[in-house]
């Protein structure tokens, strides 16, 4: 999801899907990011990387998460994980790709 994209957030919530962001940044950094970018979805702080380690997306050496997309169904089962080769914009998944995956999961 593009930072600050209210239209994209609405597309996901229309599919009965919650969007969360997570990083190892401190809560005050997350708040500053939200204030600056105006993102609508909640951002979570995983300072020690334990949650990100559990999903195998934590880069311990650099102390940051690899750009990843994780979809979890309503029963709490991970149905989709896609970790990108870099955090650059060219490697982001499109909103349409993610919405297609959400729709597949919601049909089950």
PDB file of N, CA and C in Angstrom:
ATOM      1  N   UNK A   1       0.832  -1.171   0.000  1.00  0.00           N
ATOM      2  CA  UNK A   1       0.000   0.000   0.000  1.00  0.00           C
ATOM      3  C   UNK A   1       0.878   1.235   0.000  1.00  0.00           C
ATOM      4  N   UNK A   2       0.527   2.186  -0.804  1.00  0.00           N
ATOM      5  CA  UNK A   2       1.292   3.430  -0.831  1.00  0.00           C
ATOM      6  C   UNK A   2       1.034   4.220   0.440  1.00  0.00           C
ATOM      7  N   UNK A   3       2.079   4.799   0.957  1.00  0.00           N
ATOM      8  CA  UNK A   3       1.930   5.619   2.155  1.00  0.00           C
ATOM      9  C   UNK A   3       0.927   6.728   1.906  1.00  0.00           C
ATOM     10  N   UNK A   4       0.021   6.894   2.822  1.00  0.00           N
ATOM     11  CA  UNK A   4      -0.952   7.964   2.732  1.00  0.00           C
ATOM     12  C   UNK A   4      -2.086   7.717   1.770  1.00  0.00           C
ATOM     13  N   UNK A   5      -2.186   6.524   1.218  1.00  0.00           N
ATOM     14  CA  UNK A   5      -3.206   6.265   0.214  1.00  0.00           C
ATOM     15  C   UNK A   5      -4.516   5.842   0.854  1.00  0.00           C
ATOM     16  N   UNK A   6      -5.384   6.797   1.093  1.00  0.00           N
ATOM     17  CA  UNK A   6      -6.691   6.520   1.673  1.00  0.00           C
ATOM     18  C   UNK A   6      -7.534   5.673   0.727  1.00  0.00           C
ATOM     19  N   UNK A   7      -7.417   5.898  -0.581  1.00  0.00           N
ATOM     20  CA  UNK A   7      -8.180   5.112  -1.556  1.00  0.00           C
ATOM     21  C   UNK A   7      -7.812   3.638  -1.469  1.00  0.00           C
ATOM     22  N   UNK A   8      -6.528   3.325  -1.363  1.00  0.00           N
ATOM     23  CA  UNK A   8      -6.103   1.934  -1.262  1.00  0.00           C
ATOM     24  C   UNK A   8      -6.581   1.304   0.039  1.00  0.00           C
ATOM     25  N   UNK A   9      -6.511   2.031   1.120  1.00  0.00           N
ATOM     26  CA  UNK A   9      -6.986   1.508   2.403  1.00  0.00           C
ATOM     27  C   UNK A   9      -8.467   1.162   2.304  1.00  0.00           C
ATOM     28  N   UNK A  10      -9.237   2.005   1.678  1.00  0.00           N
ATOM     29  CA  UNK A  10     -10.669   1.748   1.514  1.00  0.00           C
ATOM     30  C   UNK A  10     -10.927   0.510   0.664  1.00  0.00           C
ATOM     31  N   UNK A  11     -10.075   0.255  -0.303  1.00  0.00           N
ATOM     32  CA  UNK A  11     -10.231  -0.947  -1.139  1.00  0.00           C
ATOM     33  C   UNK A  11     -10.070  -2.209  -0.296  1.00  0.00           C
ATOM     34  N   UNK A  12      -9.137  -2.187   0.636  1.00  0.00           N
ATOM     35  CA  UNK A  12      -8.920  -3.362   1.484  1.00  0.00           C
ATOM     36  C   UNK A  12     -10.047  -3.518   2.508  1.00  0.00           C
ATOM     37  N   UNK A  13     -10.451  -2.428   3.130  1.00  0.00           N
ATOM     38  CA  UNK A  13     -11.527  -2.549   4.111  1.00  0.00           C
ATOM     39  C   UNK A  13     -12.838  -2.952   3.441  1.00  0.00           C
ATOM     40  N   UNK A  14     -13.030  -2.596   2.182  1.00  0.00           N
ATOM     41  CA  UNK A  14     -14.215  -3.027   1.434  1.00  0.00           C
ATOM     42  C   UNK A  14     -14.207  -4.548   1.245  1.00  0.00           C
ATOM     43  N   UNK A  15     -13.046  -5.162   1.318  1.00  0.00           N
ATOM     44  CA  UNK A  15     -12.915  -6.625   1.204  1.00  0.00           C
ATOM     45  C   UNK A  15     -12.873  -7.282   2.590  1.00  0.00           C
ATOM     46  N   UNK A  16     -13.335  -6.550   3.612  1.00  0.00           N
ATOM     47  CA  UNK A  16     -13.363  -7.055   4.986  1.00  0.00           C
ATOM     48  C   UNK A  16     -11.959  -7.457   5.439  1.00  0.00           C
ATOM     49  N   UNK A  17     -10.997  -6.608   5.122  1.00  0.00           N
ATOM     50  CA  UNK A  17      -9.592  -6.880   5.402  1.00  0.00           C
ATOM     51  C   UNK A  17      -8.974  -5.704   6.146  1.00  0.00           C
ATOM     52  N   UNK A  18      -8.262  -6.018   7.222  1.00  0.00           N
ATOM     53  CA  UNK A  18      -7.556  -4.980   7.973  1.00  0.00           C
ATOM     54  C   UNK A  18      -6.116  -4.927   7.491  1.00  0.00           C
ATOM     55  N   UNK A  19      -5.584  -3.729   7.396  1.00  0.00           N
ATOM     56  CA  UNK A  19      -4.210  -3.497   6.976  1.00  0.00           C
ATOM     57  C   UNK A  19      -3.427  -2.992   8.182  1.00  0.00           C
ATOM     58  N   UNK A  20      -2.278  -3.607   8.417  1.00  0.00           N
ATOM     59  CA  UNK A  20      -1.384  -3.176   9.484  1.00  0.00           C
ATOM     60  C   UNK A  20       0.015  -3.046   8.915  1.00  0.00           C
ATOM     61  N   UNK A  21       0.742  -2.074   9.385  1.00  0.00           N
ATOM     62  CA  UNK A  21       2.150  -1.951   9.050  1.00  0.00           C
ATOM     63  C   UNK A  21       2.960  -2.262  10.294  1.00  0.00           C
ATOM     64  N   UNK A  22       4.172  -2.749  10.104  1.00  0.00           N
ATOM     65  CA  UNK A  22       5.016  -3.063  11.255  1.00  0.00           C
ATOM     66  C   UNK A  22       6.464  -2.756  10.910  1.00  0.00           C
ATOM     67  N   UNK A  23       7.171  -2.239  11.898  1.00  0.00           N
ATOM     68  CA  UNK A  23       8.610  -2.027  11.756  1.00  0.00           C
ATOM     69  C   UNK A  23       9.239  -2.082  13.141  1.00  0.00           C
ATOM     70  N   UNK A  24      10.539  -2.016  13.161  1.00  0.00           N
ATOM     71  CA  UNK A  24      11.268  -2.001  14.434  1.00  0.00           C
ATOM     72  C   UNK A  24      11.415  -0.576  14.978  1.00  0.00           C
ATOM     73  N   UNK A  25      10.826   0.381  14.308  1.00  0.00           N
ATOM     74  CA  UNK A  25      10.915   1.768  14.768  1.00  0.00           C
ATOM     75  C   UNK A  25      10.153   1.945  16.074  1.00  0.00           C
ATOM     76  N   UNK A  26      10.605   2.879  16.865  1.00  0.00           N
ATOM     77  CA  UNK A  26       9.939   3.201  18.124  1.00  0.00           C
ATOM     78  C   UNK A  26       8.566   3.821  17.841  1.00  0.00           C
ATOM     79  N   UNK A  27       7.699   3.763  18.831  1.00  0.00           N
ATOM     80  CA  UNK A  27       6.347   4.283  18.671  1.00  0.00           C
ATOM     81  C   UNK A  27       6.360   5.759  18.273  1.00  0.00           C
ATOM     82  N   UNK A  28       7.246   6.560  18.870  1.00  0.00           N
ATOM     83  CA  UNK A  28       7.286   7.980  18.516  1.00  0.00           C
ATOM     84  C   UNK A  28       7.675   8.169  17.051  1.00  0.00           C
ATOM     85  N   UNK A  29       8.531   7.285  16.525  1.00  0.00           N
ATOM     86  CA  UNK A  29       8.892   7.353  15.105  1.00  0.00           C
ATOM     87  C   UNK A  29       7.713   6.979  14.226  1.00  0.00           C
ATOM     88  N   UNK A  30       6.972   5.960  14.647  1.00  0.00           N
ATOM     89  CA  UNK A  30       5.775   5.559  13.905  1.00  0.00           C
ATOM     90  C   UNK A  30       4.782   6.718  13.848  1.00  0.00           C
ATOM     91  N   UNK A  31       4.579   7.379  14.984  1.00  0.00           N
ATOM     92  CA  UNK A  31       3.635   8.502  15.025  1.00  0.00           C
ATOM     93  C   UNK A  31       4.087   9.620  14.092  1.00  0.00           C
ATOM     94  N   UNK A  32       5.364   9.932  14.109  1.00  0.00           N
ATOM     95  CA  UNK A  32       5.885  10.973  13.219  1.00  0.00           C
ATOM     96  C   UNK A  32       5.665  10.589  11.760  1.00  0.00           C
ATOM     97  N   UNK A  33       5.865   9.320  11.435  1.00  0.00           N
ATOM     98  CA  UNK A  33       5.655   8.840  10.067  1.00  0.00           C
ATOM     99  C   UNK A  33       4.187   8.991   9.669  1.00  0.00           C
ATOM    100  N   UNK A  34       3.285   8.591  10.564  1.00  0.00           N
ATOM    101  CA  UNK A  34       1.846   8.714  10.295  1.00  0.00           C
ATOM    102  C   UNK A  34       1.469  10.185  10.121  1.00  0.00           C
ATOM    103  N   UNK A  35       1.964  11.036  10.992  1.00  0.00           N
ATOM    104  CA  UNK A  35       1.662  12.468  10.891  1.00  0.00           C
ATOM    105  C   UNK A  35       2.152  13.046   9.567  1.00  0.00           C
ATOM    106  N   UNK A  36       3.320  12.609   9.117  1.00  0.00           N
ATOM    107  CA  UNK A  36       3.909  13.128   7.889  1.00  0.00           C
ATOM    108  C   UNK A  36       3.216  12.574   6.641  1.00  0.00           C
ATOM    109  N   UNK A  37       2.980  11.257   6.621  1.00  0.00           N
ATOM    110  CA  UNK A  37       2.443  10.619   5.411  1.00  0.00           C
ATOM    111  C   UNK A  37       0.922  10.526   5.382  1.00  0.00           C
ATOM    112  N   UNK A  38       0.301  10.693   6.541  1.00  0.00           N
ATOM    113  CA  UNK A  38      -1.169  10.613   6.656  1.00  0.00           C
ATOM    114  C   UNK A  38      -1.709   9.218   6.351  1.00  0.00           C
ATOM    115  N   UNK A  39      -0.928   8.170   6.630  1.00  0.00           N
ATOM    116  CA  UNK A  39      -1.434   6.818   6.420  1.00  0.00           C
ATOM    117  C   UNK A  39      -2.659   6.598   7.309  1.00  0.00           C
ATOM    118  N   UNK A  40      -3.574   5.797   6.821  1.00  0.00           N
ATOM    119  CA  UNK A  40      -4.816   5.544   7.549  1.00  0.00           C
ATOM    120  C   UNK A  40      -4.766   4.257   8.360  1.00  0.00           C
ATOM    121  N   UNK A  41      -3.900   3.322   7.959  1.00  0.00           N
ATOM    122  CA  UNK A  41      -3.855   2.041   8.659  1.00  0.00           C
ATOM    123  C   UNK A  41      -2.923   2.118   9.869  1.00  0.00           C
ATOM    124  N   UNK A  42      -3.195   1.289  10.877  1.00  0.00           N
ATOM    125  CA  UNK A  42      -2.347   1.288  12.077  1.00  0.00           C
ATOM    126  C   UNK A  42      -0.936   0.789  11.764  1.00  0.00           C
ATOM    127  N   UNK A  43       0.027   1.345  12.482  1.00  0.00           N
ATOM    128  CA  UNK A  43       1.420   0.899  12.393  1.00  0.00           C
ATOM    129  C   UNK A  43       1.825   0.321  13.740  1.00  0.00           C
ATOM    130  N   UNK A  44       2.446  -0.836  13.712  1.00  0.00           N
ATOM    131  CA  UNK A  44       2.860  -1.514  14.924  1.00  0.00           C
ATOM    132  C   UNK A  44       4.370  -1.421  15.084  1.00  0.00           C
ATOM    133  N   UNK A  45       4.806  -1.340  16.325  1.00  0.00           N
ATOM    134  CA  UNK A  45       6.233  -1.269  16.627  1.00  0.00           C
ATOM    135  C   UNK A  45       6.675  -2.592  17.236  1.00  0.00           C
ATOM    136  N   UNK A  46       7.640  -3.246  16.585  1.00  0.00           N
ATOM    137  CA  UNK A  46       8.209  -4.503  17.057  1.00  0.00           C
ATOM    138  C   UNK A  46       9.689  -4.252  17.326  1.00  0.00           C
ATOM    139  N   UNK A  47       9.965  -3.541  18.407  1.00  0.00           N
ATOM    140  CA  UNK A  47      11.322  -3.061  18.692  1.00  0.00           C
ATOM    141  C   UNK A  47      12.368  -4.175  18.744  1.00  0.00           C
ATOM    142  N   UNK A  48      12.005  -5.324  19.289  1.00  0.00           N
ATOM    143  CA  UNK A  48      12.992  -6.401  19.398  1.00  0.00           C
ATOM    144  C   UNK A  48      12.949  -7.367  18.214  1.00  0.00           C
ATOM    145  N   UNK A  49      12.011  -7.168  17.284  1.00  0.00           N
ATOM    146  CA  UNK A  49      11.946  -7.981  16.077  1.00  0.00           C
ATOM    147  C   UNK A  49      11.378  -9.378  16.268  1.00  0.00           C
ATOM    148  N   UNK A  50      10.812  -9.672  17.433  1.00  0.00           N
ATOM    149  CA  UNK A  50      10.327 -11.026  17.699  1.00  0.00           C
ATOM    150  C   UNK A  50       9.193 -11.450  16.770  1.00  0.00           C
ATOM    151  N   UNK A  51       8.266 -10.571  16.526  1.00  0.00           N
ATOM    152  CA  UNK A  51       7.152 -10.909  15.627  1.00  0.00           C
ATOM    153  C   UNK A  51       7.689 -11.085  14.208  1.00  0.00           C
ATOM    154  N   UNK A  52       8.543 -10.191  13.788  1.00  0.00           N
ATOM    155  CA  UNK A  52       9.098 -10.277  12.437  1.00  0.00           C
ATOM    156  C   UNK A  52       9.978 -11.518  12.292  1.00  0.00           C
ATOM    157  N   UNK A  53      10.675 -11.912  13.364  1.00  0.00           N
ATOM    158  CA  UNK A  53      11.451 -13.157  13.328  1.00  0.00           C
ATOM    159  C   UNK A  53      10.518 -14.342  13.132  1.00  0.00           C
ATOM    160  N   UNK A  54       9.372 -14.324  13.810  1.00  0.00           N
ATOM    161  CA  UNK A  54       8.419 -15.431  13.705  1.00  0.00           C
ATOM    162  C   UNK A  54       7.930 -15.614  12.269  1.00  0.00           C
ATOM    163  N   UNK A  55       7.850 -14.534  11.518  1.00  0.00           N
ATOM    164  CA  UNK A  55       7.422 -14.600  10.123  1.00  0.00           C
ATOM    165  C   UNK A  55       8.603 -14.706   9.163  1.00  0.00           C
ATOM    166  N   UNK A  56       9.813 -14.804   9.712  1.00  0.00           N
ATOM    167  CA  UNK A  56      11.036 -14.943   8.913  1.00  0.00           C
ATOM    168  C   UNK A  56      11.254 -13.759   7.963  1.00  0.00           C
ATOM    169  N   UNK A  57      10.959 -12.569   8.446  1.00  0.00           N
ATOM    170  CA  UNK A  57      11.163 -11.370   7.631  1.00  0.00           C
ATOM    171  C   UNK A  57      12.102 -10.368   8.309  1.00  0.00           C
ATOM    172  N   UNK A  58      12.740 -10.786   9.391  1.00  0.00           N
ATOM    173  CA  UNK A  58      13.610  -9.907  10.172  1.00  0.00           C
ATOM    174  C   UNK A  58      15.055 -10.051   9.715  1.00  0.00           C
ATOM    175  N   UNK A  59      15.677  -8.941   9.404  1.00  0.00           N
ATOM    176  CA  UNK A  59      17.094  -8.908   9.058  1.00  0.00           C
ATOM    177  C   UNK A  59      17.844  -8.487  10.320  1.00  0.00           C
ATOM    178  N   UNK A  60      18.329  -9.468  11.050  1.00  0.00           N
ATOM    179  CA  UNK A  60      18.976  -9.217  12.350  1.00  0.00           C
ATOM    180  C   UNK A  60      20.191  -8.297  12.210  1.00  0.00           C
ATOM    181  N   UNK A  61      20.994  -8.536  11.202  1.00  0.00           N
ATOM    182  CA  UNK A  61      22.217  -7.761  11.008  1.00  0.00           C
ATOM    183  C   UNK A  61      21.917  -6.267  10.838  1.00  0.00           C
ATOM    184  N   UNK A  62      20.912  -5.968  10.045  1.00  0.00           N
ATOM    185  CA  UNK A  62      20.570  -4.565   9.775  1.00  0.00           C
ATOM    186  C   UNK A  62      19.489  -4.030  10.718  1.00  0.00           C
ATOM    187  N   UNK A  63      18.918  -4.909  11.548  1.00  0.00           N
ATOM    188  CA  UNK A  63      17.860  -4.563  12.511  1.00  0.00           C
ATOM    189  C   UNK A  63      16.668  -3.892  11.839  1.00  0.00           C
ATOM    190  N   UNK A  64      16.227  -4.523  10.766  1.00  0.00           N
ATOM    191  CA  UNK A  64      15.032  -4.033  10.097  1.00  0.00           C
ATOM    192  C   UNK A  64      14.315  -5.189   9.418  1.00  0.00           C
ATOM    193  N   UNK A  65      13.070  -4.944   9.093  1.00  0.00           N
ATOM    194  CA  UNK A  65      12.270  -5.972   8.419  1.00  0.00           C
ATOM    195  C   UNK A  65      12.506  -5.906   6.920  1.00  0.00           C
ATOM    196  N   UNK A  66      12.514  -7.074   6.314  1.00  0.00           N
ATOM    197  CA  UNK A  66      12.528  -7.132   4.855  1.00  0.00           C
ATOM    198  C   UNK A  66      11.117  -6.736   4.401  1.00  0.00           C
ATOM    199  N   UNK A  67      11.026  -6.038   3.288  1.00  0.00           N
ATOM    200  CA  UNK A  67       9.708  -5.642   2.780  1.00  0.00           C
ATOM    201  C   UNK A  67       8.918  -6.906   2.488  1.00  0.00           C
ATOM    202  N   UNK A  68       7.824  -7.088   3.209  1.00  0.00           N
ATOM    203  CA  UNK A  68       7.046  -8.316   3.093  1.00  0.00           C
ATOM    204  C   UNK A  68       5.564  -8.022   3.172  1.00  0.00           C
ATOM    205  N   UNK A  69       4.812  -8.913   2.563  1.00  0.00           N
ATOM    206  CA  UNK A  69       3.363  -8.857   2.608  1.00  0.00           C
ATOM    207  C   UNK A  69       2.892 -10.174   3.188  1.00  0.00           C
ATOM    208  N   UNK A  70       2.107 -10.109   4.243  1.00  0.00           N
ATOM    209  CA  UNK A  70       1.619 -11.308   4.910  1.00  0.00           C
ATOM    210  C   UNK A  70       0.110 -11.178   5.043  1.00  0.00           C
ATOM    211  N   UNK A  71      -0.598 -12.188   4.559  1.00  0.00           N
ATOM    212  CA  UNK A  71      -2.051 -12.208   4.675  1.00  0.00           C
ATOM    213  C   UNK A  71      -2.442 -13.357   5.594  1.00  0.00           C
ATOM    214  N   UNK A  72      -3.231 -13.024   6.592  1.00  0.00           N
ATOM    215  CA  UNK A  72      -3.671 -13.983   7.601  1.00  0.00           C
ATOM    216  C   UNK A  72      -5.187 -14.039   7.549  1.00  0.00           C
ATOM    217  N   UNK A  73      -5.735 -15.249   7.483  1.00  0.00           N
ATOM    218  CA  UNK A  73      -7.192 -15.355   7.389  1.00  0.00           C
ATOM    219  C   UNK A  73      -7.846 -15.105   8.749  1.00  0.00           C
ATOM    220  N   UNK A  74      -9.171 -15.155   8.767  1.00  0.00           N
ATOM    221  CA  UNK A  74      -9.919 -14.827   9.988  1.00  0.00           C
ATOM    222  C   UNK A  74      -9.700 -15.825  11.110  1.00  0.00           C
ATOM    223  N   UNK A  75      -9.209 -17.005  10.773  1.00  0.00           N
ATOM    224  CA  UNK A  75      -8.913 -18.005  11.797  1.00  0.00           C
ATOM    225  C   UNK A  75      -7.479 -17.884  12.307  1.00  0.00           C
ATOM    226  N   UNK A  76      -6.724 -16.945  11.783  1.00  0.00           N
ATOM    227  CA  UNK A  76      -5.355 -16.730  12.224  1.00  0.00           C
ATOM    228  C   UNK A  76      -4.321 -17.563  11.483  1.00  0.00           C
ATOM    229  N   UNK A  77      -4.710 -18.154  10.343  1.00  0.00           N
ATOM    230  CA  UNK A  77      -3.807 -18.968   9.552  1.00  0.00           C
ATOM    231  C   UNK A  77      -3.134 -18.106   8.485  1.00  0.00           C
ATOM    232  N   UNK A  78      -1.814 -18.173   8.409  1.00  0.00           N
ATOM    233  CA  UNK A  78      -1.084 -17.437   7.386  1.00  0.00           C
ATOM    234  C   UNK A  78      -1.385 -18.089   6.038  1.00  0.00           C
ATOM    235  N   UNK A  79      -1.916 -17.308   5.114  1.00  0.00           N
ATOM    236  CA  UNK A  79      -2.302 -17.814   3.798  1.00  0.00           C
ATOM    237  C   UNK A  79      -1.414 -17.311   2.668  1.00  0.00           C
ATOM    238  N   UNK A  80      -0.634 -16.265   2.947  1.00  0.00           N
ATOM    239  CA  UNK A  80       0.181 -15.671   1.886  1.00  0.00           C
ATOM    240  C   UNK A  80       1.336 -14.924   2.527  1.00  0.00           C
ATOM    241  N   UNK A  81       2.547 -15.218   2.087  1.00  0.00           N
ATOM    242  CA  UNK A  81       3.726 -14.435   2.474  1.00  0.00           C
ATOM    243  C   UNK A  81       4.523 -14.177   1.202  1.00  0.00           C
ATOM    244  N   UNK A  82       4.870 -12.926   1.009  1.00  0.00           N
ATOM    245  CA  UNK A  82       5.688 -12.559  -0.132  1.00  0.00           C
ATOM    246  C   UNK A  82       6.727 -11.563   0.360  1.00  0.00           C
ATOM    247  N   UNK A  83       7.989 -11.971   0.361  1.00  0.00           N
ATOM    248  CA  UNK A  83       9.080 -11.096   0.787  1.00  0.00           C
ATOM    249  C   UNK A  83       9.792 -10.604  -0.464  1.00  0.00           C
ATOM    250  N   UNK A  84       9.935  -9.306  -0.553  1.00  0.00           N
ATOM    251  CA  UNK A  84      10.489  -8.673  -1.738  1.00  0.00           C
ATOM    252  C   UNK A  84      12.013  -8.633  -1.670  1.00  0.00           C
ATOM    253  N   UNK A  85      12.672  -8.594  -2.833  1.00  0.00           N
ATOM    254  CA  UNK A  85      14.140  -8.602  -2.854  1.00  0.00           C
ATOM    255  C   UNK A  85      14.768  -7.341  -2.266  1.00  0.00           C
ATOM    256  N   UNK A  86      14.080  -6.218  -2.375  1.00  0.00           N
ATOM    257  CA  UNK A  86      14.579  -4.967  -1.782  1.00  0.00           C
ATOM    258  C   UNK A  86      13.389  -4.178  -1.258  1.00  0.00           C
ATOM    259  N   UNK A  87      13.675  -3.109  -0.540  1.00  0.00           N
ATOM    260  CA  UNK A  87      12.628  -2.226  -0.037  1.00  0.00           C
ATOM    261  C   UNK A  87      12.335  -1.080  -0.999  1.00  0.00           C
ATOM    262  N   UNK A  88      12.916  -1.122  -2.189  1.00  0.00           N
ATOM    263  CA  UNK A  88      12.719  -0.012  -3.128  1.00  0.00           C
ATOM    264  C   UNK A  88      11.340  -0.078  -3.767  1.00  0.00           C
ATOM    265  N   UNK A  89      10.883   1.050  -4.228  1.00  0.00           N
ATOM    266  CA  UNK A  89       9.540   1.164  -4.795  1.00  0.00           C
ATOM    267  C   UNK A  89       9.318   0.212  -5.971  1.00  0.00           C
ATOM    268  N   UNK A  90      10.361  -0.030  -6.753  1.00  0.00           N
ATOM    269  CA  UNK A  90      10.216  -0.908  -7.920  1.00  0.00           C
ATOM    270  C   UNK A  90       9.882  -2.341  -7.517  1.00  0.00           C
ATOM    271  N   UNK A  91      10.176  -2.722  -6.273  1.00  0.00           N
ATOM    272  CA  UNK A  91       9.926  -4.081  -5.814  1.00  0.00           C
ATOM    273  C   UNK A  91       8.637  -4.237  -4.993  1.00  0.00           C
ATOM    274  N   UNK A  92       7.869  -3.173  -4.873  1.00  0.00           N
ATOM    275  CA  UNK A  92       6.618  -3.276  -4.139  1.00  0.00           C
ATOM    276  C   UNK A  92       5.589  -4.065  -4.944  1.00  0.00           C
ATOM    277  N   UNK A  93       4.732  -4.792  -4.247  1.00  0.00           N
ATOM    278  CA  UNK A  93       3.607  -5.435  -4.926  1.00  0.00           C
ATOM    279  C   UNK A  93       2.526  -4.385  -5.153  1.00  0.00           C
ATOM    280  N   UNK A  94       1.815  -4.530  -6.246  1.00  0.00           N
ATOM    281  CA  UNK A  94       0.747  -3.566  -6.544  1.00  0.00           C
ATOM    282  C   UNK A  94      -0.464  -3.829  -5.652  1.00  0.00           C
ATOM    283  N   UNK A  95      -1.252  -2.806  -5.474  1.00  0.00           N
ATOM    284  CA  UNK A  95      -2.501  -2.932  -4.723  1.00  0.00           C
ATOM    285  C   UNK A  95      -3.382  -4.001  -5.353  1.00  0.00           C
ATOM    286  N   UNK A  96      -3.438  -4.023  -6.663  1.00  0.00           N
ATOM    287  CA  UNK A  96      -4.290  -4.986  -7.360  1.00  0.00           C
ATOM    288  C   UNK A  96      -3.838  -6.421  -7.097  1.00  0.00           C
ATOM    289  N   UNK A  97      -2.542  -6.660  -7.081  1.00  0.00           N
ATOM    290  CA  UNK A  97      -2.015  -7.996  -6.791  1.00  0.00           C
ATOM    291  C   UNK A  97      -2.413  -8.436  -5.394  1.00  0.00           C
ATOM    292  N   UNK A  98      -2.250  -7.543  -4.437  1.00  0.00           N
ATOM    293  CA  UNK A  98      -2.608  -7.882  -3.057  1.00  0.00           C
ATOM    294  C   UNK A  98      -4.113  -8.085  -2.902  1.00  0.00           C
ATOM    295  N   UNK A  99      -4.900  -7.252  -3.549  1.00  0.00           N
ATOM    296  CA  UNK A  99      -6.359  -7.414  -3.474  1.00  0.00           C
ATOM    297  C   UNK A  99      -6.794  -8.736  -4.088  1.00  0.00           C
ATOM    298  N   UNK A 100      -6.164  -9.152  -5.171  1.00  0.00           N
ATOM    299  CA  UNK A 100      -6.468 -10.456  -5.778  1.00  0.00           C
ATOM    300  C   UNK A 100      -6.202 -11.579  -4.780  1.00  0.00           C
ATOM    301  N   UNK A 101      -5.096 -11.487  -4.062  1.00  0.00           N
ATOM    302  CA  UNK A 101      -4.778 -12.508  -3.055  1.00  0.00           C
ATOM    303  C   UNK A 101      -5.788 -12.492  -1.905  1.00  0.00           C
ATOM    304  N   UNK A 102      -6.187 -11.316  -1.489  1.00  0.00           N
ATOM    305  CA  UNK A 102      -7.194 -11.179  -0.429  1.00  0.00           C
ATOM    306  C   UNK A 102      -8.500 -11.825  -0.871  1.00  0.00           C
ATOM    307  N   UNK A 103      -8.908 -11.566  -2.102  1.00  0.00           N
ATOM    308  CA  UNK A 103     -10.167 -12.132  -2.607  1.00  0.00           C
ATOM    309  C   UNK A 103     -10.101 -13.651  -2.662  1.00  0.00           C
ATOM    310  N   UNK A 104      -8.955 -14.212  -3.031  1.00  0.00           N
ATOM    311  CA  UNK A 104      -8.799 -15.675  -3.040  1.00  0.00           C
ATOM    312  C   UNK A 104      -8.973 -16.237  -1.624  1.00  0.00           C
ATOM    313  N   UNK A 105      -8.353 -15.577  -0.665  1.00  0.00           N
ATOM    314  CA  UNK A 105      -8.429 -16.038   0.727  1.00  0.00           C
ATOM    315  C   UNK A 105      -9.851 -15.926   1.251  1.00  0.00           C
ATOM    316  N   UNK A 106     -10.519 -14.821   0.948  1.00  0.00           N
ATOM    317  CA  UNK A 106     -11.871 -14.590   1.455  1.00  0.00           C
ATOM    318  C   UNK A 106     -12.890 -15.539   0.844  1.00  0.00           C
ATOM    319  N   UNK A 107     -12.594 -16.140  -0.310  1.00  0.00           N
ATOM    320  CA  UNK A 107     -13.496 -17.104  -0.932  1.00  0.00           C
ATOM    321  C   UNK A 107     -13.480 -18.450  -0.223  1.00  0.00           C
ATOM    322  N   UNK A 108     -12.397 -18.716   0.491  1.00  0.00           N
ATOM    323  CA  UNK A 108     -12.257 -20.021   1.161  1.00  0.00           C
ATOM    324  C   UNK A 108     -13.191 -20.142   2.332  1.00  0.00           C
TER     325      UNK A 108
END
